[in-house]
Amino acid sequence: MMKNKIKYPVAGALMAAFALAITEGYGAGSESAAATNKPTALARPAGQPLAPAVLPGKGLAGHDFLYCGEAKSERIFIVRDGKVAWSYTHPGKGEISDAVRQPNGNILFAHQFGVTEINADKKVVWNFDAPPNAEIHTAQPCGTNSVWFVQNGDPAKFMVVNKTTGAVEREFVLPVGNPKGVHGHFRHARMTEAGTLLVAHLDLGKVCEYSLDGKQLWSYDAPGIWSATPLKNGKVLVASNRGYVREVDRGGRTVWEWTPAETPEYKMSSLQLAVRLPNGNTIINNWFNEWSGKVDPANPPLQAIEVTPDKRVVWALRSWAPPADLGPATTIQILTAP
């Protein structure tokens, strides 16, 4: 296992590494402590069914996917052909907010107090521990031998670390609303095809785009923003725990939006991540807070829905019982997209 020891040279081929990461196709929190921008609970009458008895789509067989969520237990699943094909439980404290299965089969995941990479045999091949009074909730591969992540803290930082040498190849400070409110700073960031960084500022309620020198290039106000994902068409897909998923252009105009009121039979109470599929459909996750109560087995919540551009629900995920008790949903990476 490689465990980084931080060094600080500057990497010369960083942009090439970002380009490689993008072309290789790397895909798409709990709150165990209160975040500044708390999820907004969407009202529903007591005892009302949270979803239709019969759900659209093929359930677990609807997609092959990587799945994990912010929960009391750090679990990761790969679902293939309608069943759990692989699972892993990480021994440690924290919550998994971001994860990605890489082309070599390894899985990289951010789990609040660090970033870890495991192989298909569940062996840890690389690890980075967050320093004291810091948290890491989003991380992605960078090229073949580096990892970038956003570190909540005082100061908060974007960092790129070489997995072999531990060298910090690039870093810059990110603004936050409350430097001491570490848990509520960030949950999600993604690189664009242009090699810029989109950051969902949870405690500032906006998404910002930065150059790799740390210069802000663009911003969009989005109260409750949890995630911001760059789309192939150049627009940005925003998911907010205030109850909306919105596709916006660089002029700040909304070109598509979904809210729970548009699919009232499917109760979605805490949105975190939205994934745009190649066919134009959007998968929206629905997180359940294990720290505030237990799932009612007679009326379990949905974990995700898939909606068409005209907002028809064509797939819904609800899997809370063995042998496929997936738990709360934060990250879903589709492994075979339509």
Foldseek 3Di string as FASTA:
>chain_A
DFEFDEDADADDCQLVLQLQQVVQPWDWAPPPDDALQDFDFDDDDPPAFQFDPDWFADALQRFFKWFFYFDQWGKIFTGYNSATPDMDTDPDGFGWQIWTQGPQRWMWTFGFQWIFIAHRVRHTPYIYGHDPQKTWQEKDGGHDFKIWTWIFAVFTKTWIAGRPHRYTNAMDTDDADDRNSRSHQFHEKDADSVRWIWTCGQRVQKIFIAHSVGHTDAMEHHHQWQYWDQDPVRWIWTKGSHFKIFTAHRVRDTPAMDGCVLVVNNHATGWHDWDQFPVGKIKTAHFDRVVVHDADPVRGHWGIFIAHRVGDTRGTYDACDPPCNRHTGNMMDGPDTD
